[in-house]
Amino acid sequence: MVEPEHPRSTRPASLVFNTAVMTASSAVSFAVTTALAIFAIRTFSVEEYGHFAIALALIGIFAVFSETGISTVALRSMSTDTSREAHYLGLALVAELVTSLVIAPLMLPVGVLLGYPTEVLVLLAIGAAYLFFQGFLTALDAIFRARRVFVFPALLLAVQAVVTGAAGAALISSGSGPPGLVAAMGLGYAAAAVAAFALVRSLLKIPIVLAGTVRKVPSFLRTAFPIAATGGIGIIYERVDLLMVSKLDSTPAAAIYGVVLTALAISAILPSIIVPAFFPLLATGLREAREQARESFFLLWRVFLVTSVPIALFLLFGSDEVVTAVLGDRYKSAGTPLAIVGGCIVLGFLNSLLSYALIADFHERRRVPILAGSLAVNVALNLFLIPRYGPTGAAVALVVSDALILAWQIGTVHTRVFSVPFRRLFVKPVAAALAALAVAVPLSTVTTLGAAIAAPCIYVTVLVLVSYVNREEWRPLIEPLRSFASRRTLRAGTG
């Protein structure tokens, strides 16, 4: 039976517009998430926050196994076969239901086998709802991303953040502790999932086609398995060091490292907005205009280096002051591992972009050995470093293994997708970073905060002077902002 083609009720938006609306929404999410995290960290005891960090790490691992790459495969299928988007959406939703029902009940037994206390087990039980609704939201979100109408994902992100923030603040204030925060996170995803379903039905007018989907789920999951494998290894890779800190050191040490990983997760918001917005364009470009797709890809790479390295430089010199000012003296020892993990911010931006290039060109299976090998290196380093250096050792292990992933993915993209212009990408940023360090290192002996401010400013100034990203390349990003500012000024003048 041929599925009738449904009219596409929304037009694709530009990458700049999609990035702009997602950035605005993420600004809301960033503010709410950061405020809630700070409130929780300052309210909970160090032991309580350690329990929360451990539970959240385990929930994150199980969430990836539950999602199993379903949304990514659905997004790719919807982007390349628009006439069957309703079919793929229904298939993704049924697949999410099946995997959630299989994976969610396993969290408690695994927590027991790992020997975690009752406090952590309670959080895992509550986290089952978080896992369930998160899966449905990602499946529904894929259709908006496939159509490149990111105003709806932006709205959903804001709904999820605001509901989580309001519920979390209320529950923490009432004394419910970490269980209240996990419950609030589940409520946020539930609200966003309900809103996503309503938007799909009312605005996109896409029917949820469920007939005949159950028998296709096994085949769909087999297609998604390589992405699930890389995602699963990736999330284990991101969380295993915290779990190892909790076992090889202590729960308070896990709380310290949890603060570091929270800062890292917040910094990942920007690439998590831009790269998925870029993915449909990249997937189409690799089929229809490969050289143009290559130029766009490496322009985004250069923009990422302009934006991510200043954050790392600021943390390198200012992490102690930032941690103490924001979280208090209880978490002062998080300053050193945070300064080290700042390097992972740069690596994370670039690794995110590279991973989507491999997926867009159907090389997701090649990411499995990359992540598996890096995970092995990470675990080996953690076994050696954590007993000696605690969270600082875990931070060193993370930077080393992230750098291995970057080098390996660059080599794979260079040989399998398109050639990498190494000199064009790296010479100028390295020179700019060395210039920044030449000034900031001696300055840090006088004022660490001054060095933290000077280093990013010098780095960006040098890259502007050498036209690492030239004016014409910035124009697509700057012109919409100028146009918006001009309209606002005109309205103010005529008001």
Foldseek 3Di string as FASTA:
>chain_A
DQDAFDDFQDAADDLLVLLVLLVVLVVLLLVLVVVLVLVQLQLDDLLLLLLLLLLVLLLLLLLLQLLLQLLVLLLLCCLVPVRCNLVSLLLQQVSSVVSLVVRLVVSLVVCVVLPDDPSNSLLSNLLSLLSSLLSLLSSLVSNCLSNNPNNLVSVLSNQLSVQLSVQSVVCVVVVVHSSSSSNSNSVSSNRSSVSSVCCCCPRRVRDNDNPPSVVCNVVSSVLSNLVSLLSSLVSCLLRVLLVLLCVLPHSSLSSLLSVLSSVLVSLCSSLVSSQSSCLSVLLVCLVPPQVVSVVVLVLQLQVLLLPLVLQLLLLLLCQLVVCCVSNNPSNSVSSLLNNLLSLVSSLVSQLSSLCSLCVSVPNSNVSNVLSVVLSVQLVVQSVVQCNPPNSSSNSNSSNVSSVSSNVSSLVCCCPPRHNDPVCLRPVQLVVQQVVLCVPLVVVSVVPSNVSSVSSSVSSNVSCQVVPSPPPVNCCVNVVVVVVVVVVVVVVVVVD
